[in-house]
């Protein structure tokens, strides 16, 4: 649990730093697209809820699911893969990638159900 909290706080710091200080946004070998296009498409609050649902036992709200769907599957996949590739998490990467897909399917379903007809 402590490890997950550290990851979540680190992610928020990276998001905030990359938003205000672009030179901190990417390391040499990280895809610039990750920071320029994906991170800014979802609020930090919802990003945390989604991360906690994928990597912990959290549940994302309907508004956060709607933000996730608007962000797009490619961005969701890229961001979760980026986090799951961290040395402390890579041993469970297949589990996290499966959970990522489950969260995506859930959020698409919830977003469709809550959209006005």
PDB file of N, CA and C in Angstrom:
ATOM      1  N   UNK A   1       0.823  -1.189   0.000  1.00  0.00           N
ATOM      2  CA  UNK A   1       0.000   0.000   0.000  1.00  0.00           C
ATOM      3  C   UNK A   1       0.870   1.257   0.000  1.00  0.00           C
ATOM      4  N   UNK A   2       1.926   1.249   0.797  1.00  0.00           N
ATOM      5  CA  UNK A   2       2.819   2.405   0.841  1.00  0.00           C
ATOM      6  C   UNK A   2       3.468   2.602  -0.521  1.00  0.00           C
ATOM      7  N   UNK A   3       3.873   1.494  -1.152  1.00  0.00           N
ATOM      8  CA  UNK A   3       4.489   1.566  -2.466  1.00  0.00           C
ATOM      9  C   UNK A   3       3.537   2.204  -3.478  1.00  0.00           C
ATOM     10  N   UNK A   4       2.254   1.851  -3.433  1.00  0.00           N
ATOM     11  CA  UNK A   4       1.262   2.422  -4.334  1.00  0.00           C
ATOM     12  C   UNK A   4       1.099   3.918  -4.083  1.00  0.00           C
ATOM     13  N   UNK A   5       1.092   4.331  -2.828  1.00  0.00           N
ATOM     14  CA  UNK A   5       0.985   5.757  -2.508  1.00  0.00           C
ATOM     15  C   UNK A   5       2.177   6.530  -3.048  1.00  0.00           C
ATOM     16  N   UNK A   6       3.365   5.967  -2.945  1.00  0.00           N
ATOM     17  CA  UNK A   6       4.565   6.619  -3.466  1.00  0.00           C
ATOM     18  C   UNK A   6       4.452   6.767  -4.979  1.00  0.00           C
ATOM     19  N   UNK A   7       3.966   5.732  -5.650  1.00  0.00           N
ATOM     20  CA  UNK A   7       3.801   5.779  -7.106  1.00  0.00           C
ATOM     21  C   UNK A   7       2.787   6.846  -7.491  1.00  0.00           C
ATOM     22  N   UNK A   8       1.671   6.901  -6.770  1.00  0.00           N
ATOM     23  CA  UNK A   8       0.629   7.877  -7.081  1.00  0.00           C
ATOM     24  C   UNK A   8       1.136   9.299  -6.870  1.00  0.00           C
ATOM     25  N   UNK A   9       1.839   9.544  -5.779  1.00  0.00           N
ATOM     26  CA  UNK A   9       2.379  10.877  -5.514  1.00  0.00           C
ATOM     27  C   UNK A   9       3.418  11.237  -6.568  1.00  0.00           C
ATOM     28  N   UNK A  10       4.263  10.292  -6.928  1.00  0.00           N
ATOM     29  CA  UNK A  10       5.269  10.545  -7.959  1.00  0.00           C
ATOM     30  C   UNK A  10       4.615  10.896  -9.288  1.00  0.00           C
ATOM     31  N   UNK A  11       3.539  10.186  -9.622  1.00  0.00           N
ATOM     32  CA  UNK A  11       2.842  10.454 -10.869  1.00  0.00           C
ATOM     33  C   UNK A  11       2.261  11.863 -10.876  1.00  0.00           C
ATOM     34  N   UNK A  12       1.640  12.254  -9.792  1.00  0.00           N
ATOM     35  CA  UNK A  12       1.061  13.592  -9.707  1.00  0.00           C
ATOM     36  C   UNK A  12       2.154  14.650  -9.834  1.00  0.00           C
ATOM     37  N   UNK A  13       3.268  14.443  -9.174  1.00  0.00           N
ATOM     38  CA  UNK A  13       4.378  15.396  -9.270  1.00  0.00           C
ATOM     39  C   UNK A  13       4.861  15.494 -10.707  1.00  0.00           C
ATOM     40  N   UNK A  14       4.991  14.350 -11.384  1.00  0.00           N
ATOM     41  CA  UNK A  14       5.416  14.363 -12.784  1.00  0.00           C
ATOM     42  C   UNK A  14       4.420  15.096 -13.668  1.00  0.00           C
ATOM     43  N   UNK A  15       3.145  14.868 -13.431  1.00  0.00           N
ATOM     44  CA  UNK A  15       2.111  15.535 -14.230  1.00  0.00           C
ATOM     45  C   UNK A  15       2.180  17.042 -14.037  1.00  0.00           C
ATOM     46  N   UNK A  16       2.235  17.474 -12.794  1.00  0.00           N
ATOM     47  CA  UNK A  16       2.277  18.906 -12.503  1.00  0.00           C
ATOM     48  C   UNK A  16       3.565  19.521 -13.045  1.00  0.00           C
ATOM     49  N   UNK A  17       4.678  18.857 -12.806  1.00  0.00           N
ATOM     50  CA  UNK A  17       5.961  19.389 -13.276  1.00  0.00           C
ATOM     51  C   UNK A  17       5.997  19.460 -14.794  1.00  0.00           C
ATOM     52  N   UNK A  18       5.479  18.437 -15.462  1.00  0.00           N
ATOM     53  CA  UNK A  18       5.524  18.443 -16.921  1.00  0.00           C
ATOM     54  C   UNK A  18       4.594  19.493 -17.515  1.00  0.00           C
ATOM     55  N   UNK A  19       3.573  19.847 -16.790  1.00  0.00           N
ATOM     56  CA  UNK A  19       2.648  20.871 -17.265  1.00  0.00           C
ATOM     57  C   UNK A  19       3.283  22.258 -17.188  1.00  0.00           C
ATOM     58  N   UNK A  20       3.996  22.527 -16.100  1.00  0.00           N
ATOM     59  CA  UNK A  20       4.541  23.863 -15.881  1.00  0.00           C
ATOM     60  C   UNK A  20       6.008  24.003 -16.277  1.00  0.00           C
ATOM     61  N   UNK A  21       6.724  22.901 -16.352  1.00  0.00           N
ATOM     62  CA  UNK A  21       8.135  22.956 -16.707  1.00  0.00           C
ATOM     63  C   UNK A  21       8.380  21.928 -17.810  1.00  0.00           C
ATOM     64  N   UNK A  22       8.145  22.282 -19.069  1.00  0.00           N
ATOM     65  CA  UNK A  22       8.242  21.320 -20.156  1.00  0.00           C
ATOM     66  C   UNK A  22       9.577  20.595 -20.250  1.00  0.00           C
ATOM     67  N   UNK A  23      10.666  21.217 -19.844  1.00  0.00           N
ATOM     68  CA  UNK A  23      11.959  20.549 -19.929  1.00  0.00           C
ATOM     69  C   UNK A  23      12.043  19.348 -19.004  1.00  0.00           C
ATOM     70  N   UNK A  24      11.172  19.273 -17.983  1.00  0.00           N
ATOM     71  CA  UNK A  24      11.149  18.115 -17.093  1.00  0.00           C
ATOM     72  C   UNK A  24      10.211  17.034 -17.599  1.00  0.00           C
ATOM     73  N   UNK A  25       9.515  17.302 -18.645  1.00  0.00           N
ATOM     74  CA  UNK A  25       8.447  16.415 -19.080  1.00  0.00           C
ATOM     75  C   UNK A  25       8.931  15.082 -19.622  1.00  0.00           C
ATOM     76  N   UNK A  26      10.051  15.063 -20.298  1.00  0.00           N
ATOM     77  CA  UNK A  26      10.478  13.816 -20.913  1.00  0.00           C
ATOM     78  C   UNK A  26      11.939  13.543 -20.672  1.00  0.00           C
ATOM     79  N   UNK A  27      12.251  12.296 -20.475  1.00  0.00           N
ATOM     80  CA  UNK A  27      13.631  11.868 -20.484  1.00  0.00           C
ATOM     81  C   UNK A  27      13.968  11.594 -21.935  1.00  0.00           C
ATOM     82  N   UNK A  28      15.249  11.428 -22.224  1.00  0.00           N
ATOM     83  CA  UNK A  28      15.675  11.262 -23.604  1.00  0.00           C
ATOM     84  C   UNK A  28      14.936  10.158 -24.348  1.00  0.00           C
ATOM     85  N   UNK A  29      14.751   9.009 -23.730  1.00  0.00           N
ATOM     86  CA  UNK A  29      14.185   7.882 -24.451  1.00  0.00           C
ATOM     87  C   UNK A  29      12.701   7.653 -24.185  1.00  0.00           C
ATOM     88  N   UNK A  30      12.037   8.561 -23.517  1.00  0.00           N
ATOM     89  CA  UNK A  30      10.597   8.439 -23.308  1.00  0.00           C
ATOM     90  C   UNK A  30       9.866   9.063 -24.481  1.00  0.00           C
ATOM     91  N   UNK A  31       8.741   8.486 -24.867  1.00  0.00           N
ATOM     92  CA  UNK A  31       8.012   9.107 -25.989  1.00  0.00           C
ATOM     93  C   UNK A  31       7.451  10.463 -25.580  1.00  0.00           C
ATOM     94  N   UNK A  32       7.829  11.479 -26.337  1.00  0.00           N
ATOM     95  CA  UNK A  32       7.358  12.831 -26.045  1.00  0.00           C
ATOM     96  C   UNK A  32       5.836  12.907 -26.120  1.00  0.00           C
ATOM     97  N   UNK A  33       5.250  12.080 -26.953  1.00  0.00           N
ATOM     98  CA  UNK A  33       3.800  12.044 -27.097  1.00  0.00           C
ATOM     99  C   UNK A  33       3.102  11.793 -25.760  1.00  0.00           C
ATOM    100  N   UNK A  34       3.707  10.935 -24.938  1.00  0.00           N
ATOM    101  CA  UNK A  34       3.129  10.619 -23.635  1.00  0.00           C
ATOM    102  C   UNK A  34       2.822  11.881 -22.861  1.00  0.00           C
ATOM    103  N   UNK A  35       3.761  12.773 -22.799  1.00  0.00           N
ATOM    104  CA  UNK A  35       3.594  13.983 -21.999  1.00  0.00           C
ATOM    105  C   UNK A  35       2.811  15.061 -22.722  1.00  0.00           C
ATOM    106  N   UNK A  36       3.120  15.258 -24.001  1.00  0.00           N
ATOM    107  CA  UNK A  36       2.499  16.351 -24.749  1.00  0.00           C
ATOM    108  C   UNK A  36       1.018  16.127 -25.044  1.00  0.00           C
ATOM    109  N   UNK A  37       0.634  14.896 -25.283  1.00  0.00           N
ATOM    110  CA  UNK A  37      -0.731  14.649 -25.719  1.00  0.00           C
ATOM    111  C   UNK A  37      -1.598  13.948 -24.690  1.00  0.00           C
ATOM    112  N   UNK A  38      -1.024  13.083 -23.896  1.00  0.00           N
ATOM    113  CA  UNK A  38      -1.853  12.242 -23.030  1.00  0.00           C
ATOM    114  C   UNK A  38      -2.047  12.787 -21.621  1.00  0.00           C
ATOM    115  N   UNK A  39      -0.993  13.166 -20.967  1.00  0.00           N
ATOM    116  CA  UNK A  39      -1.083  13.561 -19.562  1.00  0.00           C
ATOM    117  C   UNK A  39      -1.997  14.768 -19.366  1.00  0.00           C
ATOM    118  N   UNK A  40      -2.016  15.660 -20.316  1.00  0.00           N
ATOM    119  CA  UNK A  40      -2.816  16.875 -20.161  1.00  0.00           C
ATOM    120  C   UNK A  40      -4.292  16.673 -20.505  1.00  0.00           C
ATOM    121  N   UNK A  41      -4.673  15.485 -20.946  1.00  0.00           N
ATOM    122  CA  UNK A  41      -6.053  15.234 -21.347  1.00  0.00           C
ATOM    123  C   UNK A  41      -6.942  14.781 -20.203  1.00  0.00           C
ATOM    124  N   UNK A  42      -6.373  14.527 -19.035  1.00  0.00           N
ATOM    125  CA  UNK A  42      -7.161  14.035 -17.908  1.00  0.00           C
ATOM    126  C   UNK A  42      -6.737  14.807 -16.664  1.00  0.00           C
ATOM    127  N   UNK A  43      -7.697  15.132 -15.820  1.00  0.00           N
ATOM    128  CA  UNK A  43      -7.377  15.902 -14.613  1.00  0.00           C
ATOM    129  C   UNK A  43      -6.507  15.064 -13.672  1.00  0.00           C
ATOM    130  N   UNK A  44      -5.644  15.714 -12.903  1.00  0.00           N
ATOM    131  CA  UNK A  44      -4.822  14.969 -11.941  1.00  0.00           C
ATOM    132  C   UNK A  44      -5.660  14.128 -10.984  1.00  0.00           C
ATOM    133  N   UNK A  45      -6.802  14.659 -10.553  1.00  0.00           N
ATOM    134  CA  UNK A  45      -7.677  13.922  -9.637  1.00  0.00           C
ATOM    135  C   UNK A  45      -8.160  12.630 -10.279  1.00  0.00           C
ATOM    136  N   UNK A  46      -8.642  12.720 -11.496  1.00  0.00           N
ATOM    137  CA  UNK A  46      -9.135  11.523 -12.175  1.00  0.00           C
ATOM    138  C   UNK A  46      -7.989  10.578 -12.533  1.00  0.00           C
ATOM    139  N   UNK A  47      -6.853  11.133 -12.886  1.00  0.00           N
ATOM    140  CA  UNK A  47      -5.690  10.284 -13.160  1.00  0.00           C
ATOM    141  C   UNK A  47      -5.365   9.432 -11.936  1.00  0.00           C
ATOM    142  N   UNK A  48      -5.410  10.030 -10.769  1.00  0.00           N
ATOM    143  CA  UNK A  48      -5.144   9.280  -9.538  1.00  0.00           C
ATOM    144  C   UNK A  48      -6.193   8.198  -9.304  1.00  0.00           C
ATOM    145  N   UNK A  49      -7.452   8.521  -9.547  1.00  0.00           N
ATOM    146  CA  UNK A  49      -8.514   7.530  -9.361  1.00  0.00           C
ATOM    147  C   UNK A  49      -8.323   6.346 -10.314  1.00  0.00           C
ATOM    148  N   UNK A  50      -7.994   6.637 -11.550  1.00  0.00           N
ATOM    149  CA  UNK A  50      -7.777   5.580 -12.535  1.00  0.00           C
ATOM    150  C   UNK A  50      -6.554   4.750 -12.150  1.00  0.00           C
ATOM    151  N   UNK A  51      -5.474   5.419 -11.762  1.00  0.00           N
ATOM    152  CA  UNK A  51      -4.258   4.700 -11.355  1.00  0.00           C
ATOM    153  C   UNK A  51      -4.547   3.812 -10.158  1.00  0.00           C
ATOM    154  N   UNK A  52      -5.284   4.336  -9.204  1.00  0.00           N
ATOM    155  CA  UNK A  52      -5.594   3.548  -8.016  1.00  0.00           C
ATOM    156  C   UNK A  52      -6.488   2.363  -8.366  1.00  0.00           C
ATOM    157  N   UNK A  53      -7.351   2.521  -9.366  1.00  0.00           N
ATOM    158  CA  UNK A  53      -8.188   1.398  -9.779  1.00  0.00           C
ATOM    159  C   UNK A  53      -7.348   0.333 -10.489  1.00  0.00           C
ATOM    160  N   UNK A  54      -6.393   0.742 -11.293  1.00  0.00           N
ATOM    161  CA  UNK A  54      -5.554  -0.215 -12.018  1.00  0.00           C
ATOM    162  C   UNK A  54      -4.541  -0.881 -11.079  1.00  0.00           C
ATOM    163  N   UNK A  55      -3.898  -0.089 -10.230  1.00  0.00           N
ATOM    164  CA  UNK A  55      -2.799  -0.602  -9.428  1.00  0.00           C
ATOM    165  C   UNK A  55      -3.180  -0.918  -7.977  1.00  0.00           C
ATOM    166  N   UNK A  56      -4.408  -0.630  -7.602  1.00  0.00           N
ATOM    167  CA  UNK A  56      -4.843  -0.879  -6.237  1.00  0.00           C
ATOM    168  C   UNK A  56      -6.261  -1.397  -6.212  1.00  0.00           C
ATOM    169  N   UNK A  57      -7.022  -0.919  -5.245  1.00  0.00           N
ATOM    170  CA  UNK A  57      -8.400  -1.383  -5.085  1.00  0.00           C
ATOM    171  C   UNK A  57      -9.419  -0.261  -5.236  1.00  0.00           C
ATOM    172  N   UNK A  58      -9.027   0.830  -5.870  1.00  0.00           N
ATOM    173  CA  UNK A  58      -9.916   1.970  -6.018  1.00  0.00           C
ATOM    174  C   UNK A  58     -10.976   1.749  -7.082  1.00  0.00           C
ATOM    175  N   UNK A  59     -11.916   2.656  -7.108  1.00  0.00           N
ATOM    176  CA  UNK A  59     -12.978   2.646  -8.113  1.00  0.00           C
ATOM    177  C   UNK A  59     -13.104   4.068  -8.658  1.00  0.00           C
ATOM    178  N   UNK A  60     -13.028   4.184  -9.968  1.00  0.00           N
ATOM    179  CA  UNK A  60     -13.145   5.499 -10.589  1.00  0.00           C
ATOM    180  C   UNK A  60     -14.611   5.899 -10.691  1.00  0.00           C
ATOM    181  N   UNK A  61     -14.867   7.163 -10.474  1.00  0.00           N
ATOM    182  CA  UNK A  61     -16.228   7.695 -10.579  1.00  0.00           C
ATOM    183  C   UNK A  61     -16.655   7.761 -12.045  1.00  0.00           C
ATOM    184  N   UNK A  62     -17.939   7.944 -12.257  1.00  0.00           N
ATOM    185  CA  UNK A  62     -18.457   8.077 -13.624  1.00  0.00           C
ATOM    186  C   UNK A  62     -17.811   9.274 -14.332  1.00  0.00           C
ATOM    187  N   UNK A  63     -17.718  10.453 -13.683  1.00  0.00           N
ATOM    188  CA  UNK A  63     -17.051  11.572 -14.370  1.00  0.00           C
ATOM    189  C   UNK A  63     -15.596  11.253 -14.739  1.00  0.00           C
ATOM    190  N   UNK A  64     -14.889  10.521 -13.886  1.00  0.00           N
ATOM    191  CA  UNK A  64     -13.506  10.154 -14.207  1.00  0.00           C
ATOM    192  C   UNK A  64     -13.466   9.142 -15.345  1.00  0.00           C
ATOM    193  N   UNK A  65     -14.419   8.228 -15.370  1.00  0.00           N
ATOM    194  CA  UNK A  65     -14.509   7.298 -16.498  1.00  0.00           C
ATOM    195  C   UNK A  65     -14.757   8.063 -17.795  1.00  0.00           C
ATOM    196  N   UNK A  66     -15.619   9.066 -17.730  1.00  0.00           N
ATOM    197  CA  UNK A  66     -15.890   9.869 -18.923  1.00  0.00           C
ATOM    198  C   UNK A  66     -14.626  10.606 -19.376  1.00  0.00           C
ATOM    199  N   UNK A  67     -13.859  11.136 -18.425  1.00  0.00           N
ATOM    200  CA  UNK A  67     -12.585  11.784 -18.791  1.00  0.00           C
ATOM    201  C   UNK A  67     -11.633  10.783 -19.423  1.00  0.00           C
ATOM    202  N   UNK A  68     -11.586   9.582 -18.853  1.00  0.00           N
ATOM    203  CA  UNK A  68     -10.698   8.554 -19.385  1.00  0.00           C
ATOM    204  C   UNK A  68     -11.064   8.210 -20.820  1.00  0.00           C
ATOM    205  N   UNK A  69     -12.343   8.045 -21.083  1.00  0.00           N
ATOM    206  CA  UNK A  69     -12.789   7.704 -22.434  1.00  0.00           C
ATOM    207  C   UNK A  69     -12.475   8.854 -23.397  1.00  0.00           C
ATOM    208  N   UNK A  70     -12.648  10.085 -22.939  1.00  0.00           N
ATOM    209  CA  UNK A  70     -12.301  11.245 -23.785  1.00  0.00           C
ATOM    210  C   UNK A  70     -10.796  11.298 -24.031  1.00  0.00           C
ATOM    211  N   UNK A  71     -10.013  10.893 -23.038  1.00  0.00           N
ATOM    212  CA  UNK A  71      -8.555  10.855 -23.197  1.00  0.00           C
ATOM    213  C   UNK A  71      -8.185   9.902 -24.328  1.00  0.00           C
ATOM    214  N   UNK A  72      -8.866   8.782 -24.411  1.00  0.00           N
ATOM    215  CA  UNK A  72      -8.630   7.813 -25.481  1.00  0.00           C
ATOM    216  C   UNK A  72      -7.880   6.581 -25.000  1.00  0.00           C
ATOM    217  N   UNK A  73      -8.141   5.471 -25.659  1.00  0.00           N
ATOM    218  CA  UNK A  73      -7.537   4.193 -25.279  1.00  0.00           C
ATOM    219  C   UNK A  73      -6.021   4.207 -25.458  1.00  0.00           C
ATOM    220  N   UNK A  74      -5.553   4.800 -26.538  1.00  0.00           N
ATOM    221  CA  UNK A  74      -4.109   4.817 -26.771  1.00  0.00           C
ATOM    222  C   UNK A  74      -3.375   5.528 -25.639  1.00  0.00           C
ATOM    223  N   UNK A  75      -3.909   6.656 -25.200  1.00  0.00           N
ATOM    224  CA  UNK A  75      -3.281   7.377 -24.092  1.00  0.00           C
ATOM    225  C   UNK A  75      -3.367   6.571 -22.798  1.00  0.00           C
ATOM    226  N   UNK A  76      -4.527   5.992 -22.532  1.00  0.00           N
ATOM    227  CA  UNK A  76      -4.702   5.172 -21.330  1.00  0.00           C
ATOM    228  C   UNK A  76      -3.698   4.016 -21.335  1.00  0.00           C
ATOM    229  N   UNK A  77      -3.614   3.317 -22.454  1.00  0.00           N
ATOM    230  CA  UNK A  77      -2.684   2.193 -22.557  1.00  0.00           C
ATOM    231  C   UNK A  77      -1.240   2.642 -22.356  1.00  0.00           C
ATOM    232  N   UNK A  78      -0.883   3.749 -22.972  1.00  0.00           N
ATOM    233  CA  UNK A  78       0.489   4.259 -22.899  1.00  0.00           C
ATOM    234  C   UNK A  78       0.856   4.662 -21.476  1.00  0.00           C
ATOM    235  N   UNK A  79      -0.032   5.394 -20.815  1.00  0.00           N
ATOM    236  CA  UNK A  79       0.268   5.857 -19.459  1.00  0.00           C
ATOM    237  C   UNK A  79       0.364   4.704 -18.467  1.00  0.00           C
ATOM    238  N   UNK A  80      -0.558   3.747 -18.550  1.00  0.00           N
ATOM    239  CA  UNK A  80      -0.510   2.608 -17.628  1.00  0.00           C
ATOM    240  C   UNK A  80       0.733   1.765 -17.901  1.00  0.00           C
ATOM    241  N   UNK A  81       1.048   1.541 -19.158  1.00  0.00           N
ATOM    242  CA  UNK A  81       2.249   0.769 -19.509  1.00  0.00           C
ATOM    243  C   UNK A  81       3.496   1.470 -18.979  1.00  0.00           C
ATOM    244  N   UNK A  82       3.538   2.782 -19.108  1.00  0.00           N
ATOM    245  CA  UNK A  82       4.672   3.560 -18.614  1.00  0.00           C
ATOM    246  C   UNK A  82       4.856   3.349 -17.106  1.00  0.00           C
ATOM    247  N   UNK A  83       3.770   3.388 -16.365  1.00  0.00           N
ATOM    248  CA  UNK A  83       3.850   3.194 -14.912  1.00  0.00           C
ATOM    249  C   UNK A  83       4.184   1.739 -14.587  1.00  0.00           C
ATOM    250  N   UNK A  84       3.546   0.807 -15.278  1.00  0.00           N
ATOM    251  CA  UNK A  84       3.757  -0.622 -15.010  1.00  0.00           C
ATOM    252  C   UNK A  84       5.182  -1.063 -15.325  1.00  0.00           C
ATOM    253  N   UNK A  85       5.882  -0.323 -16.164  1.00  0.00           N
ATOM    254  CA  UNK A  85       7.265  -0.666 -16.513  1.00  0.00           C
ATOM    255  C   UNK A  85       8.277  -0.248 -15.448  1.00  0.00           C
ATOM    256  N   UNK A  86       7.828   0.396 -14.410  1.00  0.00           N
ATOM    257  CA  UNK A  86       8.739   0.793 -13.337  1.00  0.00           C
ATOM    258  C   UNK A  86       9.290  -0.444 -12.650  1.00  0.00           C
ATOM    259  N   UNK A  87      10.560  -0.404 -12.243  1.00  0.00           N
ATOM    260  CA  UNK A  87      11.188  -1.588 -11.642  1.00  0.00           C
ATOM    261  C   UNK A  87      10.410  -2.206 -10.479  1.00  0.00           C
ATOM    262  N   UNK A  88       9.777  -1.396  -9.662  1.00  0.00           N
ATOM    263  CA  UNK A  88       9.051  -1.933  -8.513  1.00  0.00           C
ATOM    264  C   UNK A  88       7.736  -2.608  -8.911  1.00  0.00           C
ATOM    265  N   UNK A  89       7.270  -2.408 -10.141  1.00  0.00           N
ATOM    266  CA  UNK A  89       5.986  -2.954 -10.582  1.00  0.00           C
ATOM    267  C   UNK A  89       6.092  -3.975 -11.706  1.00  0.00           C
ATOM    268  N   UNK A  90       7.225  -3.999 -12.373  1.00  0.00           N
ATOM    269  CA  UNK A  90       7.336  -4.796 -13.604  1.00  0.00           C
ATOM    270  C   UNK A  90       7.059  -6.279 -13.382  1.00  0.00           C
ATOM    271  N   UNK A  91       7.290  -6.788 -12.192  1.00  0.00           N
ATOM    272  CA  UNK A  91       7.016  -8.194 -11.909  1.00  0.00           C
ATOM    273  C   UNK A  91       5.541  -8.533 -12.022  1.00  0.00           C
ATOM    274  N   UNK A  92       4.679  -7.567 -11.814  1.00  0.00           N
ATOM    275  CA  UNK A  92       3.225  -7.768 -11.911  1.00  0.00           C
ATOM    276  C   UNK A  92       2.627  -7.115 -13.148  1.00  0.00           C
ATOM    277  N   UNK A  93       3.472  -6.774 -14.102  1.00  0.00           N
ATOM    278  CA  UNK A  93       2.999  -6.046 -15.279  1.00  0.00           C
ATOM    279  C   UNK A  93       1.839  -6.740 -15.998  1.00  0.00           C
ATOM    280  N   UNK A  94       1.883  -8.055 -16.231  1.00  0.00           N
ATOM    281  CA  UNK A  94       0.737  -8.682 -16.917  1.00  0.00           C
ATOM    282  C   UNK A  94      -0.586  -8.469 -16.169  1.00  0.00           C
ATOM    283  N   UNK A  95      -0.545  -8.531 -14.854  1.00  0.00           N
ATOM    284  CA  UNK A  95      -1.751  -8.303 -14.051  1.00  0.00           C
ATOM    285  C   UNK A  95      -2.249  -6.873 -14.231  1.00  0.00           C
ATOM    286  N   UNK A  96      -1.327  -5.916 -14.209  1.00  0.00           N
ATOM    287  CA  UNK A  96      -1.712  -4.511 -14.358  1.00  0.00           C
ATOM    288  C   UNK A  96      -2.247  -4.218 -15.754  1.00  0.00           C
ATOM    289  N   UNK A  97      -1.659  -4.832 -16.770  1.00  0.00           N
ATOM    290  CA  UNK A  97      -2.134  -4.601 -18.131  1.00  0.00           C
ATOM    291  C   UNK A  97      -3.523  -5.214 -18.333  1.00  0.00           C
ATOM    292  N   UNK A  98      -3.777  -6.345 -17.703  1.00  0.00           N
ATOM    293  CA  UNK A  98      -5.118  -6.929 -17.758  1.00  0.00           C
ATOM    294  C   UNK A  98      -6.110  -6.023 -17.038  1.00  0.00           C
ATOM    295  N   UNK A  99      -5.723  -5.533 -15.877  1.00  0.00           N
ATOM    296  CA  UNK A  99      -6.592  -4.630 -15.109  1.00  0.00           C
ATOM    297  C   UNK A  99      -6.833  -3.344 -15.890  1.00  0.00           C
ATOM    298  N   UNK A 100      -5.806  -2.857 -16.592  1.00  0.00           N
ATOM    299  CA  UNK A 100      -5.947  -1.663 -17.443  1.00  0.00           C
ATOM    300  C   UNK A 100      -7.061  -1.864 -18.450  1.00  0.00           C
ATOM    301  N   UNK A 101      -7.066  -3.035 -19.104  1.00  0.00           N
ATOM    302  CA  UNK A 101      -8.086  -3.319 -20.110  1.00  0.00           C
ATOM    303  C   UNK A 101      -9.470  -3.452 -19.481  1.00  0.00           C
ATOM    304  N   UNK A 102      -9.532  -4.030 -18.282  1.00  0.00           N
ATOM    305  CA  UNK A 102     -10.811  -4.149 -17.577  1.00  0.00           C
ATOM    306  C   UNK A 102     -11.353  -2.769 -17.192  1.00  0.00           C
ATOM    307  N   UNK A 103     -10.470  -1.906 -16.721  1.00  0.00           N
ATOM    308  CA  UNK A 103     -10.885  -0.543 -16.352  1.00  0.00           C
ATOM    309  C   UNK A 103     -11.384   0.192 -17.583  1.00  0.00           C
ATOM    310  N   UNK A 104     -10.684   0.053 -18.692  1.00  0.00           N
ATOM    311  CA  UNK A 104     -11.106   0.703 -19.927  1.00  0.00           C
ATOM    312  C   UNK A 104     -12.507   0.235 -20.329  1.00  0.00           C
ATOM    313  N   UNK A 105     -12.715  -1.080 -20.350  1.00  0.00           N
ATOM    314  CA  UNK A 105     -14.014  -1.620 -20.749  1.00  0.00           C
ATOM    315  C   UNK A 105     -15.120  -1.139 -19.811  1.00  0.00           C
ATOM    316  N   UNK A 106     -14.832  -1.119 -18.524  1.00  0.00           N
ATOM    317  CA  UNK A 106     -15.808  -0.637 -17.543  1.00  0.00           C
ATOM    318  C   UNK A 106     -16.147   0.830 -17.802  1.00  0.00           C
ATOM    319  N   UNK A 107     -15.124   1.637 -18.009  1.00  0.00           N
ATOM    320  CA  UNK A 107     -15.359   3.071 -18.201  1.00  0.00           C
ATOM    321  C   UNK A 107     -16.102   3.360 -19.494  1.00  0.00           C
ATOM    322  N   UNK A 108     -15.813   2.617 -20.547  1.00  0.00           N
ATOM    323  CA  UNK A 108     -16.554   2.787 -21.805  1.00  0.00           C
ATOM    324  C   UNK A 108     -18.021   2.449 -21.568  1.00  0.00           C
ATOM    325  N   UNK A 109     -18.267   1.351 -20.866  1.00  0.00           N
ATOM    326  CA  UNK A 109     -19.628   0.918 -20.591  1.00  0.00           C
ATOM    327  C   UNK A 109     -20.380   1.950 -19.743  1.00  0.00           C
ATOM    328  N   UNK A 110     -19.749   2.429 -18.686  1.00  0.00           N
ATOM    329  CA  UNK A 110     -20.356   3.411 -17.796  1.00  0.00           C
ATOM    330  C   UNK A 110     -20.596   4.725 -18.536  1.00  0.00           C
ATOM    331  N   UNK A 111     -19.656   5.123 -19.368  1.00  0.00           N
ATOM    332  CA  UNK A 111     -19.791   6.388 -20.105  1.00  0.00           C
ATOM    333  C   UNK A 111     -20.936   6.322 -21.102  1.00  0.00           C
ATOM    334  N   UNK A 112     -21.076   5.183 -21.781  1.00  0.00           N
ATOM    335  CA  UNK A 112     -22.184   5.019 -22.728  1.00  0.00           C
ATOM    336  C   UNK A 112     -23.526   5.030 -22.009  1.00  0.00           C
ATOM    337  N   UNK A 113     -23.568   4.358 -20.860  1.00  0.00           N
ATOM    338  CA  UNK A 113     -24.821   4.268 -20.098  1.00  0.00           C
ATOM    339  C   UNK A 113     -25.244   5.615 -19.551  1.00  0.00           C
ATOM    340  N   UNK A 114     -24.278   6.489 -19.230  1.00  0.00           N
ATOM    341  CA  UNK A 114     -24.624   7.776 -18.607  1.00  0.00           C
ATOM    342  C   UNK A 114     -24.762   8.905 -19.632  1.00  0.00           C
ATOM    343  N   UNK A 115     -24.476   8.609 -20.911  1.00  0.00           N
ATOM    344  CA  UNK A 115     -24.608   9.631 -21.943  1.00  0.00           C
ATOM    345  C   UNK A 115     -26.067   9.835 -22.294  1.00  0.00           C
ATOM    346  N   UNK A 116     -26.455  11.088 -22.525  1.00  0.00           N
ATOM    347  CA  UNK A 116     -27.844  11.345 -22.920  1.00  0.00           C
ATOM    348  C   UNK A 116     -28.126  10.733 -24.288  1.00  0.00           C
ATOM    349  N   UNK A 117     -29.273  10.174 -24.448  1.00  0.00           N
ATOM    350  CA  UNK A 117     -29.620   9.496 -25.714  1.00  0.00           C
ATOM    351  C   UNK A 117     -29.935  10.448 -26.808  1.00  0.00           C
TER     352      UNK A 117
END
